Amino acid sequence: MNSTPKIAAPETVLTTSTRVRCDGAADIRGGAALGHPRVWMEIDERGWAECGYCDRRFVLKGGPADQG
């Protein structure tokens, strides 16, 4: 029996902009005070960027990483 816990996949956010920001609190009532420092990221040729604090992944709509 394998007792390794399953880790939930990071949240994915589709965006139309190649420049995105994350503060880890977009869905938290009370805002950024409960998240992490705001960081700005640039989506590159891979079509996605990932937040170093919360692992939220931002995927460019219609880009190479857009699976939808």
N, C-alpha and C. Protein backbone atom coordinates (compact mmCIF):
# COMPACT_ATOMS: atom_id res chain seq x y z
N MET A 1 0.85 -1.18 0.00
CA MET A 1 0.00 0.00 0.00
C MET A 1 0.89 1.24 0.00
N ASN A 2 0.59 2.17 -0.88
CA ASN A 2 1.35 3.41 -0.99
C ASN A 2 0.68 4.47 -0.14
N SER A 3 1.38 4.96 0.88
CA SER A 3 0.79 5.95 1.78
C SER A 3 1.29 7.37 1.50
N THR A 4 1.87 7.58 0.33
CA THR A 4 2.34 8.91 -0.04
C THR A 4 1.15 9.83 -0.24
N PRO A 5 1.11 10.97 0.49
CA PRO A 5 -0.03 11.88 0.32
C PRO A 5 -0.01 12.54 -1.05
N LYS A 6 -1.19 12.75 -1.61
CA LYS A 6 -1.29 13.43 -2.91
C LYS A 6 -1.24 14.93 -2.68
N ILE A 7 -0.47 15.61 -3.50
CA ILE A 7 -0.34 17.06 -3.41
C ILE A 7 -1.22 17.68 -4.48
N ALA A 8 -2.04 18.61 -4.07
CA ALA A 8 -2.93 19.28 -5.02
C ALA A 8 -2.13 20.07 -6.04
N ALA A 9 -2.60 20.05 -7.27
CA ALA A 9 -1.95 20.83 -8.32
C ALA A 9 -2.08 22.31 -8.00
N PRO A 10 -1.07 23.11 -8.38
CA PRO A 10 -1.17 24.55 -8.12
C PRO A 10 -2.33 25.17 -8.90
N GLU A 11 -2.84 26.26 -8.39
CA GLU A 11 -3.92 26.97 -9.06
C GLU A 11 -3.42 27.53 -10.38
N THR A 12 -4.25 27.44 -11.41
CA THR A 12 -3.91 27.98 -12.72
C THR A 12 -4.86 29.12 -13.05
N VAL A 13 -4.28 30.25 -13.48
CA VAL A 13 -5.06 31.43 -13.85
C VAL A 13 -4.80 31.73 -15.31
N LEU A 14 -5.86 31.77 -16.12
CA LEU A 14 -5.72 32.16 -17.52
C LEU A 14 -5.72 33.68 -17.62
N THR A 15 -4.86 34.21 -18.48
CA THR A 15 -4.73 35.66 -18.61
C THR A 15 -4.51 36.04 -20.06
N THR A 16 -4.85 37.27 -20.40
CA THR A 16 -4.61 37.78 -21.75
C THR A 16 -3.40 38.69 -21.80
N SER A 17 -2.77 38.91 -20.65
CA SER A 17 -1.62 39.81 -20.56
C SER A 17 -0.34 39.00 -20.32
N THR A 18 0.77 39.45 -20.91
CA THR A 18 2.04 38.76 -20.67
C THR A 18 2.71 39.25 -19.39
N ARG A 19 2.20 40.32 -18.80
CA ARG A 19 2.72 40.83 -17.53
C ARG A 19 1.63 40.64 -16.48
N VAL A 20 1.94 39.85 -15.45
CA VAL A 20 0.95 39.51 -14.43
C VAL A 20 1.51 39.80 -13.05
N ARG A 21 0.59 39.97 -12.08
CA ARG A 21 1.01 40.18 -10.70
C ARG A 21 0.32 39.17 -9.81
N CYS A 22 0.96 38.86 -8.70
CA CYS A 22 0.38 37.93 -7.74
C CYS A 22 0.70 38.42 -6.33
N ASP A 23 -0.31 38.40 -5.46
CA ASP A 23 -0.08 38.71 -4.05
C ASP A 23 -0.59 37.58 -3.15
N GLY A 24 -0.99 36.47 -3.80
CA GLY A 24 -1.43 35.30 -3.05
C GLY A 24 -2.76 35.45 -2.37
N ALA A 25 -3.46 36.55 -2.59
CA ALA A 25 -4.68 36.80 -1.85
C ALA A 25 -5.84 37.20 -2.74
N ALA A 26 -5.80 36.87 -4.00
CA ALA A 26 -6.85 37.30 -4.92
C ALA A 26 -8.22 36.80 -4.49
N ASP A 27 -8.28 35.62 -3.91
CA ASP A 27 -9.57 35.04 -3.51
C ASP A 27 -9.79 35.07 -2.01
N ILE A 28 -8.94 35.79 -1.27
CA ILE A 28 -9.04 35.82 0.19
C ILE A 28 -9.74 37.10 0.62
N ARG A 29 -10.79 36.96 1.41
CA ARG A 29 -11.47 38.14 1.93
C ARG A 29 -10.51 38.88 2.87
N GLY A 30 -10.31 40.14 2.67
CA GLY A 30 -9.37 40.90 3.46
C GLY A 30 -8.15 41.32 2.66
N GLY A 31 -7.94 40.65 1.54
CA GLY A 31 -6.93 41.08 0.60
C GLY A 31 -5.51 40.69 0.90
N ALA A 32 -4.59 41.48 0.36
CA ALA A 32 -3.17 41.16 0.34
C ALA A 32 -2.53 41.03 1.71
N ALA A 33 -3.13 41.59 2.73
CA ALA A 33 -2.55 41.47 4.07
C ALA A 33 -2.48 40.01 4.52
N LEU A 34 -3.29 39.17 3.90
CA LEU A 34 -3.31 37.76 4.26
C LEU A 34 -2.54 36.89 3.27
N GLY A 35 -1.98 37.47 2.24
CA GLY A 35 -1.28 36.72 1.20
C GLY A 35 0.23 36.79 1.37
N HIS A 36 0.93 37.18 0.30
CA HIS A 36 2.38 37.33 0.31
C HIS A 36 2.73 38.64 -0.38
N PRO A 37 4.00 39.05 -0.35
CA PRO A 37 4.36 40.30 -1.03
C PRO A 37 3.98 40.25 -2.51
N ARG A 38 3.51 41.36 -3.04
CA ARG A 38 3.12 41.41 -4.45
C ARG A 38 4.36 41.28 -5.33
N VAL A 39 4.27 40.38 -6.29
CA VAL A 39 5.35 40.18 -7.26
C VAL A 39 4.77 40.32 -8.66
N TRP A 40 5.61 40.81 -9.56
CA TRP A 40 5.25 40.93 -10.97
C TRP A 40 6.06 39.92 -11.75
N MET A 41 5.42 39.28 -12.72
CA MET A 41 6.09 38.27 -13.54
C MET A 41 5.78 38.53 -15.01
N GLU A 42 6.69 38.09 -15.86
CA GLU A 42 6.52 38.22 -17.30
C GLU A 42 6.38 36.81 -17.89
N ILE A 43 5.30 36.58 -18.63
CA ILE A 43 5.10 35.29 -19.28
C ILE A 43 6.03 35.23 -20.48
N ASP A 44 6.83 34.16 -20.55
CA ASP A 44 7.83 34.05 -21.62
C ASP A 44 7.34 33.16 -22.76
N GLU A 45 8.26 32.68 -23.59
CA GLU A 45 7.92 31.89 -24.77
C GLU A 45 7.26 30.55 -24.44
N ARG A 46 7.38 30.09 -23.20
CA ARG A 46 6.71 28.85 -22.79
C ARG A 46 5.21 29.06 -22.67
N GLY A 47 4.78 30.31 -22.48
CA GLY A 47 3.37 30.63 -22.38
C GLY A 47 2.83 30.63 -20.96
N TRP A 48 3.72 30.58 -19.97
CA TRP A 48 3.27 30.61 -18.58
C TRP A 48 4.35 31.18 -17.67
N ALA A 49 3.91 31.61 -16.49
CA ALA A 49 4.81 32.08 -15.43
C ALA A 49 4.26 31.53 -14.12
N GLU A 50 5.14 31.27 -13.17
CA GLU A 50 4.71 30.69 -11.90
C GLU A 50 5.21 31.53 -10.74
N CYS A 51 4.32 31.79 -9.79
CA CYS A 51 4.67 32.59 -8.62
C CYS A 51 5.60 31.79 -7.71
N GLY A 52 6.69 32.38 -7.31
CA GLY A 52 7.65 31.72 -6.43
C GLY A 52 7.18 31.60 -4.99
N TYR A 53 6.15 32.35 -4.62
CA TYR A 53 5.62 32.27 -3.26
C TYR A 53 4.54 31.21 -3.11
N CYS A 54 3.53 31.26 -3.97
CA CYS A 54 2.35 30.40 -3.78
C CYS A 54 2.17 29.36 -4.89
N ASP A 55 3.07 29.33 -5.86
CA ASP A 55 3.04 28.37 -6.97
C ASP A 55 1.85 28.55 -7.91
N ARG A 56 1.13 29.65 -7.79
CA ARG A 56 0.03 29.91 -8.73
C ARG A 56 0.64 30.06 -10.11
N ARG A 57 0.04 29.40 -11.10
CA ARG A 57 0.56 29.45 -12.46
C ARG A 57 -0.35 30.32 -13.32
N PHE A 58 0.25 31.24 -14.04
CA PHE A 58 -0.46 32.14 -14.94
C PHE A 58 -0.18 31.69 -16.37
N VAL A 59 -1.24 31.34 -17.10
CA VAL A 59 -1.11 30.81 -18.45
C VAL A 59 -1.71 31.80 -19.43
N LEU A 60 -0.97 32.11 -20.48
CA LEU A 60 -1.42 33.05 -21.50
C LEU A 60 -2.46 32.37 -22.39
N LYS A 61 -3.66 32.98 -22.47
CA LYS A 61 -4.73 32.43 -23.31
C LYS A 61 -4.25 32.37 -24.76
N GLY A 62 -4.42 31.20 -25.38
CA GLY A 62 -4.01 31.03 -26.77
C GLY A 62 -2.53 30.77 -26.94
N GLY A 63 -1.76 30.79 -25.85
CA GLY A 63 -0.33 30.55 -25.90
C GLY A 63 0.00 29.06 -25.90
N PRO A 64 1.29 28.71 -25.99
CA PRO A 64 1.69 27.30 -26.08
C PRO A 64 1.30 26.45 -24.86
N ALA A 65 1.08 27.05 -23.72
CA ALA A 65 0.73 26.28 -22.53
C ALA A 65 -0.77 26.20 -22.29
N ASP A 66 -1.56 26.88 -23.12
CA ASP A 66 -3.02 26.88 -22.95
C ASP A 66 -3.58 25.57 -23.49
N GLN A 67 -4.08 24.75 -22.58
CA GLN A 67 -4.61 23.44 -22.96
C GLN A 67 -6.11 23.46 -23.21
N GLY A 68 -6.74 24.61 -23.02
CA GLY A 68 -8.20 24.69 -23.15
C GLY A 68 -8.57 25.18 -24.47
